[in-house]
Amino acid sequence: MPKGSIVLVHFPFTDLSSTKLRPALVLHEGHLDVTIAPMTTQRPDPPLPSDLLIRKGTLSFKATGLKEESWLLIDKIATLEKMFIEGILGKADDDLKRDVNAKLAECLMFNDVSAI
């Protein structure tokens, strides 16, 4: 599952008490694991600057294989073993990749030399 794939994954809750099957974007593929950003159909309240809405009806949306308009939650990035992946739904097109890269840079403060 190459970088940019939209996958269906058993994503853990932040307290690790359980998982929920949800779509996610593959940000990096390692040998045995993947780094992903989860998606949700529920609008974050309030949305964070790092959240990215993938609007239904756009060209980017069509390539994802998603059924519903979804929010990509950049602040919930996780690295999981590939065995948690159920399948590939679609992929991020170039426009979505550009938007994700901009949100990642903003969220991780890559443009701020004093970030660390």
PDB file of N, CA and C in Angstrom:
ATOM      1  N   MET A   1       0.842  -1.175   0.000  1.00  0.00           N
ATOM      2  CA  MET A   1       0.000   0.000   0.000  1.00  0.00           C
ATOM      3  C   MET A   1       0.888   1.238   0.000  1.00  0.00           C
ATOM      4  N   PRO A   2       1.075   1.815  -1.145  1.00  0.00           N
ATOM      5  CA  PRO A   2       1.985   2.952  -1.267  1.00  0.00           C
ATOM      6  C   PRO A   2       1.474   4.212  -0.576  1.00  0.00           C
ATOM      7  N   LYS A   3       2.401   5.104  -0.321  1.00  0.00           N
ATOM      8  CA  LYS A   3       2.075   6.408   0.246  1.00  0.00           C
ATOM      9  C   LYS A   3       1.004   7.060  -0.624  1.00  0.00           C
ATOM     10  N   GLY A   4      -0.006   7.646   0.021  1.00  0.00           N
ATOM     11  CA  GLY A   4      -1.107   8.264  -0.701  1.00  0.00           C
ATOM     12  C   GLY A   4      -2.324   7.367  -0.849  1.00  0.00           C
ATOM     13  N   SER A   5      -2.190   6.100  -0.457  1.00  0.00           N
ATOM     14  CA  SER A   5      -3.337   5.187  -0.508  1.00  0.00           C
ATOM     15  C   SER A   5      -4.342   5.547   0.580  1.00  0.00           C
ATOM     16  N   ILE A   6      -5.613   5.381   0.274  1.00  0.00           N
ATOM     17  CA  ILE A   6      -6.671   5.489   1.279  1.00  0.00           C
ATOM     18  C   ILE A   6      -7.024   4.055   1.654  1.00  0.00           C
ATOM     19  N   VAL A   7      -6.847   3.724   2.936  1.00  0.00           N
ATOM     20  CA  VAL A   7      -7.048   2.353   3.397  1.00  0.00           C
ATOM     21  C   VAL A   7      -8.148   2.302   4.446  1.00  0.00           C
ATOM     22  N   LEU A   8      -8.669   1.109   4.675  1.00  0.00           N
ATOM     23  CA  LEU A   8      -9.603   0.852   5.762  1.00  0.00           C
ATOM     24  C   LEU A   8      -8.806   0.157   6.849  1.00  0.00           C
ATOM     25  N   VAL A   9      -8.798   0.728   8.054  1.00  0.00           N
ATOM     26  CA  VAL A   9      -7.892   0.268   9.104  1.00  0.00           C
ATOM     27  C   VAL A   9      -8.605   0.211  10.455  1.00  0.00           C
ATOM     28  N   HIS A  10      -8.174  -0.733  11.280  1.00  0.00           N
ATOM     29  CA  HIS A  10      -8.627  -0.788  12.675  1.00  0.00           C
ATOM     30  C   HIS A  10      -7.786   0.223  13.443  1.00  0.00           C
ATOM     31  N   PHE A  11      -8.328   1.434  13.615  1.00  0.00           N
ATOM     32  CA  PHE A  11      -7.574   2.533  14.224  1.00  0.00           C
ATOM     33  C   PHE A  11      -7.850   2.574  15.724  1.00  0.00           C
ATOM     34  N   PRO A  12      -6.796   2.633  16.550  1.00  0.00           N
ATOM     35  CA  PRO A  12      -6.996   2.632  18.004  1.00  0.00           C
ATOM     36  C   PRO A  12      -7.499   3.979  18.521  1.00  0.00           C
ATOM     37  N   PHE A  13      -8.305   3.918  19.585  1.00  0.00           N
ATOM     38  CA  PHE A  13      -8.665   5.132  20.306  1.00  0.00           C
ATOM     39  C   PHE A  13      -7.420   5.649  21.014  1.00  0.00           C
ATOM     40  N   THR A  14      -7.392   6.930  21.351  1.00  0.00           N
ATOM     41  CA  THR A  14      -6.192   7.511  21.959  1.00  0.00           C
ATOM     42  C   THR A  14      -5.845   6.868  23.299  1.00  0.00           C
ATOM     43  N   ASP A  15      -6.835   6.309  24.005  1.00  0.00           N
ATOM     44  CA  ASP A  15      -6.536   5.633  25.277  1.00  0.00           C
ATOM     45  C   ASP A  15      -6.221   4.148  25.084  1.00  0.00           C
ATOM     46  N   LEU A  16      -6.187   3.692  23.817  1.00  0.00           N
ATOM     47  CA  LEU A  16      -5.862   2.313  23.436  1.00  0.00           C
ATOM     48  C   LEU A  16      -6.841   1.274  23.979  1.00  0.00           C
ATOM     49  N   SER A  17      -8.037   1.718  24.398  1.00  0.00           N
ATOM     50  CA  SER A  17      -9.021   0.798  24.972  1.00  0.00           C
ATOM     51  C   SER A  17      -9.697  -0.074  23.915  1.00  0.00           C
ATOM     52  N   SER A  18      -9.721   0.400  22.680  1.00  0.00           N
ATOM     53  CA  SER A  18     -10.405  -0.319  21.616  1.00  0.00           C
ATOM     54  C   SER A  18      -9.965   0.253  20.272  1.00  0.00           C
ATOM     55  N   THR A  19     -10.515  -0.308  19.198  1.00  0.00           N
ATOM     56  CA  THR A  19     -10.252   0.222  17.864  1.00  0.00           C
ATOM     57  C   THR A  19     -11.574   0.440  17.143  1.00  0.00           C
ATOM     58  N   LYS A  20     -11.512   1.217  16.077  1.00  0.00           N
ATOM     59  CA  LYS A  20     -12.687   1.437  15.242  1.00  0.00           C
ATOM     60  C   LYS A  20     -12.240   1.331  13.789  1.00  0.00           C
ATOM     61  N   LEU A  21     -13.016   0.619  12.993  1.00  0.00           N
ATOM     62  CA  LEU A  21     -12.709   0.487  11.576  1.00  0.00           C
ATOM     63  C   LEU A  21     -13.041   1.808  10.894  1.00  0.00           C
ATOM     64  N   ARG A  22     -12.023   2.419  10.284  1.00  0.00           N
ATOM     65  CA  ARG A  22     -12.222   3.713   9.649  1.00  0.00           C
ATOM     66  C   ARG A  22     -11.237   3.893   8.506  1.00  0.00           C
ATOM     67  N   PRO A  23     -11.539   4.786   7.572  1.00  0.00           N
ATOM     68  CA  PRO A  23     -10.577   5.074   6.512  1.00  0.00           C
ATOM     69  C   PRO A  23      -9.421   5.907   7.050  1.00  0.00           C
ATOM     70  N   ALA A  24      -8.286   5.789   6.380  1.00  0.00           N
ATOM     71  CA  ALA A  24      -7.098   6.554   6.757  1.00  0.00           C
ATOM     72  C   ALA A  24      -6.227   6.749   5.523  1.00  0.00           C
ATOM     73  N   LEU A  25      -5.403   7.777   5.569  1.00  0.00           N
ATOM     74  CA  LEU A  25      -4.467   8.073   4.489  1.00  0.00           C
ATOM     75  C   LEU A  25      -3.086   7.570   4.876  1.00  0.00           C
ATOM     76  N   VAL A  26      -2.455   6.795   4.003  1.00  0.00           N
ATOM     77  CA  VAL A  26      -1.097   6.307   4.248  1.00  0.00           C
ATOM     78  C   VAL A  26      -0.116   7.441   3.967  1.00  0.00           C
ATOM     79  N   LEU A  27       0.650   7.820   5.011  1.00  0.00           N
ATOM     80  CA  LEU A  27       1.657   8.868   4.890  1.00  0.00           C
ATOM     81  C   LEU A  27       3.043   8.291   4.644  1.00  0.00           C
ATOM     82  N   HIS A  28       3.268   7.066   5.135  1.00  0.00           N
ATOM     83  CA  HIS A  28       4.566   6.398   4.972  1.00  0.00           C
ATOM     84  C   HIS A  28       4.348   4.898   5.097  1.00  0.00           C
ATOM     85  N   GLU A  29       5.022   4.147   4.239  1.00  0.00           N
ATOM     86  CA  GLU A  29       4.969   2.688   4.333  1.00  0.00           C
ATOM     87  C   GLU A  29       6.339   2.163   4.720  1.00  0.00           C
ATOM     88  N   GLY A  30       6.399   1.488   5.855  1.00  0.00           N
ATOM     89  CA  GLY A  30       7.614   0.818   6.282  1.00  0.00           C
ATOM     90  C   GLY A  30       7.558  -0.649   5.891  1.00  0.00           C
ATOM     91  N   HIS A  31       8.525  -1.409   6.379  1.00  0.00           N
ATOM     92  CA  HIS A  31       8.574  -2.834   6.046  1.00  0.00           C
ATOM     93  C   HIS A  31       7.384  -3.590   6.649  1.00  0.00           C
ATOM     94  N   LEU A  32       7.128  -3.388   7.940  1.00  0.00           N
ATOM     95  CA  LEU A  32       6.050  -4.104   8.630  1.00  0.00           C
ATOM     96  C   LEU A  32       4.920  -3.197   9.101  1.00  0.00           C
ATOM     97  N   ASP A  33       5.092  -1.881   8.943  1.00  0.00           N
ATOM     98  CA  ASP A  33       4.097  -0.961   9.470  1.00  0.00           C
ATOM     99  C   ASP A  33       3.831   0.179   8.496  1.00  0.00           C
ATOM    100  N   VAL A  34       2.805   0.948   8.826  1.00  0.00           N
ATOM    101  CA  VAL A  34       2.442   2.131   8.043  1.00  0.00           C
ATOM    102  C   VAL A  34       2.160   3.287   8.990  1.00  0.00           C
ATOM    103  N   THR A  35       2.487   4.484   8.552  1.00  0.00           N
ATOM    104  CA  THR A  35       2.122   5.695   9.280  1.00  0.00           C
ATOM    105  C   THR A  35       0.928   6.287   8.549  1.00  0.00           C
ATOM    106  N   ILE A  36      -0.142   6.521   9.305  1.00  0.00           N
ATOM    107  CA  ILE A  36      -1.408   6.931   8.698  1.00  0.00           C
ATOM    108  C   ILE A  36      -2.033   8.096   9.449  1.00  0.00           C
ATOM    109  N   ALA A  37      -2.921   8.791   8.756  1.00  0.00           N
ATOM    110  CA  ALA A  37      -3.768   9.816   9.365  1.00  0.00           C
ATOM    111  C   ALA A  37      -5.210   9.344   9.195  1.00  0.00           C
ATOM    112  N   PRO A  38      -5.957   9.237  10.293  1.00  0.00           N
ATOM    113  CA  PRO A  38      -7.327   8.724  10.210  1.00  0.00           C
ATOM    114  C   PRO A  38      -8.302   9.744   9.631  1.00  0.00           C
ATOM    115  N   MET A  39      -9.450   9.238   9.225  1.00  0.00           N
ATOM    116  CA  MET A  39     -10.527  10.079   8.711  1.00  0.00           C
ATOM    117  C   MET A  39     -11.800   9.803   9.497  1.00  0.00           C
ATOM    118  N   THR A  40     -12.672  10.788   9.518  1.00  0.00           N
ATOM    119  CA  THR A  40     -13.972  10.650  10.158  1.00  0.00           C
ATOM    120  C   THR A  40     -15.014  11.415   9.353  1.00  0.00           C
ATOM    121  N   THR A  41     -16.251  10.953   9.410  1.00  0.00           N
ATOM    122  CA  THR A  41     -17.338  11.691   8.770  1.00  0.00           C
ATOM    123  C   THR A  41     -17.914  12.739   9.720  1.00  0.00           C
ATOM    124  N   GLN A  42     -17.548  12.653  10.989  1.00  0.00           N
ATOM    125  CA  GLN A  42     -18.046  13.595  11.991  1.00  0.00           C
ATOM    126  C   GLN A  42     -17.214  14.876  11.964  1.00  0.00           C
ATOM    127  N   ARG A  43     -17.878  16.014  11.815  1.00  0.00           N
ATOM    128  CA  ARG A  43     -17.170  17.295  11.799  1.00  0.00           C
ATOM    129  C   ARG A  43     -16.550  17.531  13.174  1.00  0.00           C
ATOM    130  N   PRO A  44     -15.225  17.756  13.230  1.00  0.00           N
ATOM    131  CA  PRO A  44     -14.611  18.067  14.523  1.00  0.00           C
ATOM    132  C   PRO A  44     -15.222  19.351  15.093  1.00  0.00           C
ATOM    133  N   ASP A  45     -15.385  19.400  16.408  1.00  0.00           N
ATOM    134  CA  ASP A  45     -16.004  20.553  17.053  1.00  0.00           C
ATOM    135  C   ASP A  45     -15.111  21.089  18.160  1.00  0.00           C
ATOM    136  N   PRO A  46     -14.398  22.154  17.898  1.00  0.00           N
ATOM    137  CA  PRO A  46     -14.283  22.862  16.619  1.00  0.00           C
ATOM    138  C   PRO A  46     -13.216  22.210  15.748  1.00  0.00           C
ATOM    139  N   PRO A  47     -13.276  22.414  14.433  1.00  0.00           N
ATOM    140  CA  PRO A  47     -12.200  21.891  13.585  1.00  0.00           C
ATOM    141  C   PRO A  47     -10.876  22.565  13.944  1.00  0.00           C
ATOM    142  N   LEU A  48      -9.811  21.791  13.923  1.00  0.00           N
ATOM    143  CA  LEU A  48      -8.474  22.328  14.165  1.00  0.00           C
ATOM    144  C   LEU A  48      -7.897  22.843  12.848  1.00  0.00           C
ATOM    145  N   PRO A  49      -6.923  23.743  12.915  1.00  0.00           N
ATOM    146  CA  PRO A  49      -6.277  24.204  11.679  1.00  0.00           C
ATOM    147  C   PRO A  49      -5.661  23.054  10.879  1.00  0.00           C
ATOM    148  N   SER A  50      -5.323  21.970  11.555  1.00  0.00           N
ATOM    149  CA  SER A  50      -4.707  20.823  10.879  1.00  0.00           C
ATOM    150  C   SER A  50      -5.726  19.872  10.252  1.00  0.00           C
ATOM    151  N   ASP A  51      -7.012  20.022  10.554  1.00  0.00           N
ATOM    152  CA  ASP A  51      -8.046  19.160   9.976  1.00  0.00           C
ATOM    153  C   ASP A  51      -8.305  19.555   8.526  1.00  0.00           C
ATOM    154  N   LEU A  52      -8.513  18.561   7.683  1.00  0.00           N
ATOM    155  CA  LEU A  52      -8.717  18.810   6.258  1.00  0.00           C
ATOM    156  C   LEU A  52     -10.012  18.139   5.807  1.00  0.00           C
ATOM    157  N   LEU A  53     -10.937  18.928   5.290  1.00  0.00           N
ATOM    158  CA  LEU A  53     -12.208  18.406   4.791  1.00  0.00           C
ATOM    159  C   LEU A  53     -12.032  17.914   3.357  1.00  0.00           C
ATOM    160  N   ILE A  54     -12.422  16.679   3.118  1.00  0.00           N
ATOM    161  CA  ILE A  54     -12.427  16.112   1.768  1.00  0.00           C
ATOM    162  C   ILE A  54     -13.881  16.149   1.308  1.00  0.00           C
ATOM    163  N   ARG A  55     -14.194  17.130   0.479  1.00  0.00           N
ATOM    164  CA  ARG A  55     -15.576  17.410   0.088  1.00  0.00           C
ATOM    165  C   ARG A  55     -16.100  16.435  -0.966  1.00  0.00           C
ATOM    166  N   LYS A  56     -17.291  15.932  -0.692  1.00  0.00           N
ATOM    167  CA  LYS A  56     -17.971  15.051  -1.644  1.00  0.00           C
ATOM    168  C   LYS A  56     -18.274  15.840  -2.918  1.00  0.00           C
ATOM    169  N   GLY A  57     -18.111  15.181  -4.053  1.00  0.00           N
ATOM    170  CA  GLY A  57     -18.406  15.829  -5.322  1.00  0.00           C
ATOM    171  C   GLY A  57     -17.194  16.438  -6.012  1.00  0.00           C
ATOM    172  N   THR A  58     -16.059  16.533  -5.306  1.00  0.00           N
ATOM    173  CA  THR A  58     -14.847  17.068  -5.926  1.00  0.00           C
ATOM    174  C   THR A  58     -14.093  15.954  -6.642  1.00  0.00           C
ATOM    175  N   LEU A  59     -13.197  16.334  -7.548  1.00  0.00           N
ATOM    176  CA  LEU A  59     -12.375  15.339  -8.233  1.00  0.00           C
ATOM    177  C   LEU A  59     -11.517  14.574  -7.234  1.00  0.00           C
ATOM    178  N   SER A  60     -10.981  15.276  -6.236  1.00  0.00           N
ATOM    179  CA  SER A  60     -10.164  14.611  -5.211  1.00  0.00           C
ATOM    180  C   SER A  60     -10.969  13.552  -4.478  1.00  0.00           C
ATOM    181  N   PHE A  61     -12.221  13.862  -4.152  1.00  0.00           N
ATOM    182  CA  PHE A  61     -13.077  12.923  -3.426  1.00  0.00           C
ATOM    183  C   PHE A  61     -13.296  11.649  -4.235  1.00  0.00           C
ATOM    184  N   LYS A  62     -13.545  11.791  -5.514  1.00  0.00           N
ATOM    185  CA  LYS A  62     -13.837  10.631  -6.365  1.00  0.00           C
ATOM    186  C   LYS A  62     -12.702   9.619  -6.357  1.00  0.00           C
ATOM    187  N   ALA A  63     -11.461  10.083  -6.317  1.00  0.00           N
ATOM    188  CA  ALA A  63     -10.303   9.181  -6.349  1.00  0.00           C
ATOM    189  C   ALA A  63     -10.110   8.425  -5.037  1.00  0.00           C
ATOM    190  N   THR A  64     -10.668   8.950  -3.935  1.00  0.00           N
ATOM    191  CA  THR A  64     -10.416   8.356  -2.615  1.00  0.00           C
ATOM    192  C   THR A  64     -11.131   7.035  -2.386  1.00  0.00           C
ATOM    193  N   GLY A  65     -12.254   6.817  -3.059  1.00  0.00           N
ATOM    194  CA  GLY A  65     -13.050   5.627  -2.800  1.00  0.00           C
ATOM    195  C   GLY A  65     -13.939   5.769  -1.574  1.00  0.00           C
ATOM    196  N   LEU A  66     -13.956   6.952  -0.969  1.00  0.00           N
ATOM    197  CA  LEU A  66     -14.806   7.199   0.195  1.00  0.00           C
ATOM    198  C   LEU A  66     -16.267   7.291  -0.236  1.00  0.00           C
ATOM    199  N   LYS A  67     -17.175   6.975   0.689  1.00  0.00           N
ATOM    200  CA  LYS A  67     -18.606   7.051   0.396  1.00  0.00           C
ATOM    201  C   LYS A  67     -19.216   8.358   0.881  1.00  0.00           C
ATOM    202  N   GLU A  68     -18.606   8.941   1.911  1.00  0.00           N
ATOM    203  CA  GLU A  68     -19.142  10.155   2.524  1.00  0.00           C
ATOM    204  C   GLU A  68     -18.053  11.219   2.626  1.00  0.00           C
ATOM    205  N   GLU A  69     -18.484  12.479   2.631  1.00  0.00           N
ATOM    206  CA  GLU A  69     -17.569  13.582   2.897  1.00  0.00           C
ATOM    207  C   GLU A  69     -16.849  13.289   4.211  1.00  0.00           C
ATOM    208  N   SER A  70     -15.547  13.501   4.254  1.00  0.00           N
ATOM    209  CA  SER A  70     -14.765  13.089   5.425  1.00  0.00           C
ATOM    210  C   SER A  70     -13.745  14.144   5.823  1.00  0.00           C
ATOM    211  N   TRP A  71     -13.400  14.125   7.099  1.00  0.00           N
ATOM    212  CA  TRP A  71     -12.354  14.984   7.653  1.00  0.00           C
ATOM    213  C   TRP A  71     -11.105  14.149   7.868  1.00  0.00           C
ATOM    214  N   LEU A  72      -9.984  14.621   7.366  1.00  0.00           N
ATOM    215  CA  LEU A  72      -8.689  13.996   7.611  1.00  0.00           C
ATOM    216  C   LEU A  72      -8.107  14.645   8.858  1.00  0.00           C
ATOM    217  N   LEU A  73      -7.779  13.822   9.854  1.00  0.00           N
ATOM    218  CA  LEU A  73      -7.325  14.320  11.155  1.00  0.00           C
ATOM    219  C   LEU A  73      -5.802  14.219  11.253  1.00  0.00           C
ATOM    220  N   ILE A  74      -5.128  15.255  10.774  1.00  0.00           N
ATOM    221  CA  ILE A  74      -3.667  15.268  10.735  1.00  0.00           C
ATOM    222  C   ILE A  74      -3.068  15.173  12.141  1.00  0.00           C
ATOM    223  N   ASP A  75      -3.759  15.693  13.151  1.00  0.00           N
ATOM    224  CA  ASP A  75      -3.206  15.668  14.514  1.00  0.00           C
ATOM    225  C   ASP A  75      -3.306  14.295  15.176  1.00  0.00           C
ATOM    226  N   LYS A  76      -3.902  13.320  14.500  1.00  0.00           N
ATOM    227  CA  LYS A  76      -4.064  11.971  15.067  1.00  0.00           C
ATOM    228  C   LYS A  76      -3.193  10.943  14.345  1.00  0.00           C
ATOM    229  N   ILE A  77      -2.087  11.383  13.760  1.00  0.00           N
ATOM    230  CA  ILE A  77      -1.181  10.485  13.039  1.00  0.00           C
ATOM    231  C   ILE A  77      -0.729   9.354  13.957  1.00  0.00           C
ATOM    232  N   ALA A  78      -0.675   8.141  13.393  1.00  0.00           N
ATOM    233  CA  ALA A  78      -0.222   6.973  14.159  1.00  0.00           C
ATOM    234  C   ALA A  78       0.532   6.021  13.235  1.00  0.00           C
ATOM    235  N   THR A  79       1.424   5.241  13.830  1.00  0.00           N
ATOM    236  CA  THR A  79       2.109   4.175  13.107  1.00  0.00           C
ATOM    237  C   THR A  79       1.575   2.854  13.629  1.00  0.00           C
ATOM    238  N   LEU A  80       1.052   2.033  12.707  1.00  0.00           N
ATOM    239  CA  LEU A  80       0.434   0.760  13.061  1.00  0.00           C
ATOM    240  C   LEU A  80       1.027  -0.357  12.216  1.00  0.00           C
ATOM    241  N   GLU A  81       0.954  -1.571  12.738  1.00  0.00           N
ATOM    242  CA  GLU A  81       1.369  -2.725  11.946  1.00  0.00           C
ATOM    243  C   GLU A  81       0.415  -2.894  10.766  1.00  0.00           C
ATOM    244  N   LYS A  82       0.959  -3.354   9.648  1.00  0.00           N
ATOM    245  CA  LYS A  82       0.155  -3.527   8.438  1.00  0.00           C
ATOM    246  C   LYS A  82      -0.999  -4.505   8.634  1.00  0.00           C
ATOM    247  N   MET A  83      -0.891  -5.392   9.622  1.00  0.00           N
ATOM    248  CA  MET A  83      -1.956  -6.376   9.840  1.00  0.00           C
ATOM    249  C   MET A  83      -3.280  -5.723  10.234  1.00  0.00           C
ATOM    250  N   PHE A  84      -3.257  -4.454  10.655  1.00  0.00           N
ATOM    251  CA  PHE A  84      -4.482  -3.741  11.017  1.00  0.00           C
ATOM    252  C   PHE A  84      -5.222  -3.197   9.791  1.00  0.00           C
ATOM    253  N   ILE A  85      -4.582  -3.258   8.620  1.00  0.00           N
ATOM    254  CA  ILE A  85      -5.190  -2.761   7.388  1.00  0.00           C
ATOM    255  C   ILE A  85      -6.121  -3.827   6.813  1.00  0.00           C
ATOM    256  N   GLU A  86      -7.370  -3.442   6.548  1.00  0.00           N
ATOM    257  CA  GLU A  86      -8.364  -4.361   5.975  1.00  0.00           C
ATOM    258  C   GLU A  86      -8.368  -4.335   4.454  1.00  0.00           C
ATOM    259  N   GLY A  87      -8.006  -3.211   3.866  1.00  0.00           N
ATOM    260  CA  GLY A  87      -8.007  -3.119   2.411  1.00  0.00           C
ATOM    261  C   GLY A  87      -7.769  -1.701   1.941  1.00  0.00           C
ATOM    262  N   ILE A  88      -7.609  -1.555   0.635  1.00  0.00           N
ATOM    263  CA  ILE A  88      -7.383  -0.249   0.023  1.00  0.00           C
ATOM    264  C   ILE A  88      -8.688   0.223  -0.615  1.00  0.00           C
ATOM    265  N   LEU A  89      -9.088   1.456  -0.291  1.00  0.00           N
ATOM    266  CA  LEU A  89     -10.315   2.038  -0.840  1.00  0.00           C
ATOM    267  C   LEU A  89     -10.048   2.836  -2.112  1.00  0.00           C
ATOM    268  N   GLY A  90      -8.931   3.545  -2.138  1.00  0.00           N
ATOM    269  CA  GLY A  90      -8.623   4.430  -3.257  1.00  0.00           C
ATOM    270  C   GLY A  90      -7.287   5.096  -3.024  1.00  0.00           C
ATOM    271  N   LYS A  91      -7.160   6.324  -3.536  1.00  0.00           N
ATOM    272  CA  LYS A  91      -5.893   7.039  -3.379  1.00  0.00           C
ATOM    273  C   LYS A  91      -6.140   8.539  -3.350  1.00  0.00           C
ATOM    274  N   ALA A  92      -5.152   9.248  -2.849  1.00  0.00           N
ATOM    275  CA  ALA A  92      -5.181  10.707  -2.864  1.00  0.00           C
ATOM    276  C   ALA A  92      -4.651  11.175  -4.215  1.00  0.00           C
ATOM    277  N   ASP A  93      -5.386  12.077  -4.864  1.00  0.00           N
ATOM    278  CA  ASP A  93      -4.876  12.629  -6.119  1.00  0.00           C
ATOM    279  C   ASP A  93      -3.851  13.723  -5.806  1.00  0.00           C
ATOM    280  N   ASP A  94      -3.271  14.308  -6.832  1.00  0.00           N
ATOM    281  CA  ASP A  94      -2.209  15.300  -6.624  1.00  0.00           C
ATOM    282  C   ASP A  94      -2.686  16.516  -5.839  1.00  0.00           C
ATOM    283  N   ASP A  95      -3.919  16.971  -6.081  1.00  0.00           N
ATOM    284  CA  ASP A  95      -4.444  18.128  -5.349  1.00  0.00           C
ATOM    285  C   ASP A  95      -4.583  17.822  -3.862  1.00  0.00           C
ATOM    286  N   LEU A  96      -5.116  16.653  -3.540  1.00  0.00           N
ATOM    287  CA  LEU A  96      -5.269  16.271  -2.136  1.00  0.00           C
ATOM    288  C   LEU A  96      -3.902  16.088  -1.479  1.00  0.00           C
ATOM    289  N   LYS A  97      -2.962  15.478  -2.185  1.00  0.00           N
ATOM    290  CA  LYS A  97      -1.605  15.318  -1.638  1.00  0.00           C
ATOM    291  C   LYS A  97      -0.987  16.674  -1.313  1.00  0.00           C
ATOM    292  N   ARG A  98      -1.165  17.642  -2.208  1.00  0.00           N
ATOM    293  CA  ARG A  98      -0.631  18.988  -1.969  1.00  0.00           C
ATOM    294  C   ARG A  98      -1.255  19.597  -0.709  1.00  0.00           C
ATOM    295  N   ASP A  99      -2.574  19.467  -0.569  1.00  0.00           N
ATOM    296  CA  ASP A  99      -3.263  20.008   0.607  1.00  0.00           C
ATOM    297  C   ASP A  99      -2.806  19.313   1.888  1.00  0.00           C
ATOM    298  N   VAL A 100      -2.636  18.001   1.833  1.00  0.00           N
ATOM    299  CA  VAL A 100      -2.176  17.243   3.002  1.00  0.00           C
ATOM    300  C   VAL A 100      -0.760  17.664   3.376  1.00  0.00           C
ATOM    301  N   ASN A 101       0.119  17.792   2.397  1.00  0.00           N
ATOM    302  CA  ASN A 101       1.495  18.210   2.681  1.00  0.00           C
ATOM    303  C   ASN A 101       1.536  19.586   3.338  1.00  0.00           C
ATOM    304  N   ALA A 102       0.686  20.505   2.885  1.00  0.00           N
ATOM    305  CA  ALA A 102       0.629  21.837   3.489  1.00  0.00           C
ATOM    306  C   ALA A 102       0.148  21.756   4.936  1.00  0.00           C
ATOM    307  N   LYS A 103      -0.879  20.936   5.190  1.00  0.00           N
ATOM    308  CA  LYS A 103      -1.388  20.775   6.559  1.00  0.00           C
ATOM    309  C   LYS A 103      -0.346  20.111   7.462  1.00  0.00           C
ATOM    310  N   LEU A 104       0.365  19.114   6.931  1.00  0.00           N
ATOM    311  CA  LEU A 104       1.422  18.457   7.709  1.00  0.00           C
ATOM    312  C   LEU A 104       2.505  19.453   8.093  1.00  0.00           C
ATOM    313  N   ALA A 105       2.936  20.262   7.141  1.00  0.00           N
ATOM    314  CA  ALA A 105       3.976  21.259   7.412  1.00  0.00           C
ATOM    315  C   ALA A 105       3.504  22.250   8.470  1.00  0.00           C
ATOM    316  N   GLU A 106       2.245  22.668   8.374  1.00  0.00           N
ATOM    317  CA  GLU A 106       1.681  23.606   9.342  1.00  0.00           C
ATOM    318  C   GLU A 106       1.563  22.963  10.724  1.00  0.00           C
ATOM    319  N   CYS A 107       1.023  21.755  10.770  1.00  0.00           N
ATOM    320  CA  CYS A 107       0.791  21.057  12.036  1.00  0.00           C
ATOM    321  C   CYS A 107       2.100  20.744  12.759  1.00  0.00           C
ATOM    322  N   LEU A 108       3.099  20.326  11.989  1.00  0.00           N
ATOM    323  CA  LEU A 108       4.385  19.944  12.581  1.00  0.00           C
ATOM    324  C   LEU A 108       5.359  21.106  12.638  1.00  0.00           C
ATOM    325  N   MET A 109       4.903  22.285  12.241  1.00  0.00           N
ATOM    326  CA  MET A 109       5.681  23.523  12.293  1.00  0.00           C
ATOM    327  C   MET A 109       7.014  23.407  11.565  1.00  0.00           C
ATOM    328  N   PHE A 110       7.002  22.783  10.385  1.00  0.00           N
ATOM    329  CA  PHE A 110       8.227  22.653   9.606  1.00  0.00           C
ATOM    330  C   PHE A 110       8.757  23.999   9.145  1.00  0.00           C
ATOM    331  N   ASN A 111       7.898  25.003   9.062  1.00  0.00           N
ATOM    332  CA  ASN A 111       8.333  26.327   8.623  1.00  0.00           C
ATOM    333  C   ASN A 111       8.859  27.169   9.776  1.00  0.00           C
ATOM    334  N   ASP A 112       8.768  26.669  10.996  1.00  0.00           N
ATOM    335  CA  ASP A 112       9.208  27.391  12.192  1.00  0.00           C
ATOM    336  C   ASP A 112      10.521  26.785  12.670  1.00  0.00           C
ATOM    337  N   VAL A 113      11.612  27.525  12.520  1.00  0.00           N
ATOM    338  CA  VAL A 113      12.926  26.980  12.885  1.00  0.00           C
ATOM    339  C   VAL A 113      13.059  26.746  14.383  1.00  0.00           C
ATOM    340  N   SER A 114      12.170  27.317  15.183  1.00  0.00           N
ATOM    341  CA  SER A 114      12.235  27.111  16.635  1.00  0.00           C
ATOM    342  C   SER A 114      11.200  26.094  17.112  1.00  0.00           C
ATOM    343  N   ALA A 115      10.747  25.226  16.213  1.00  0.00           N
ATOM    344  CA  ALA A 115       9.695  24.270  16.560  1.00  0.00           C
ATOM    345  C   ALA A 115      10.128  23.287  17.638  1.00  0.00           C
ATOM    346  N   ILE A 116      11.409  22.968  17.686  1.00  0.00           N
ATOM    347  CA  ILE A 116      11.885  21.995  18.677  1.00  0.00           C
ATOM    348  C   ILE A 116      12.839  22.669  19.636  1.00  0.00           C
TER     349      ILE A 116
END
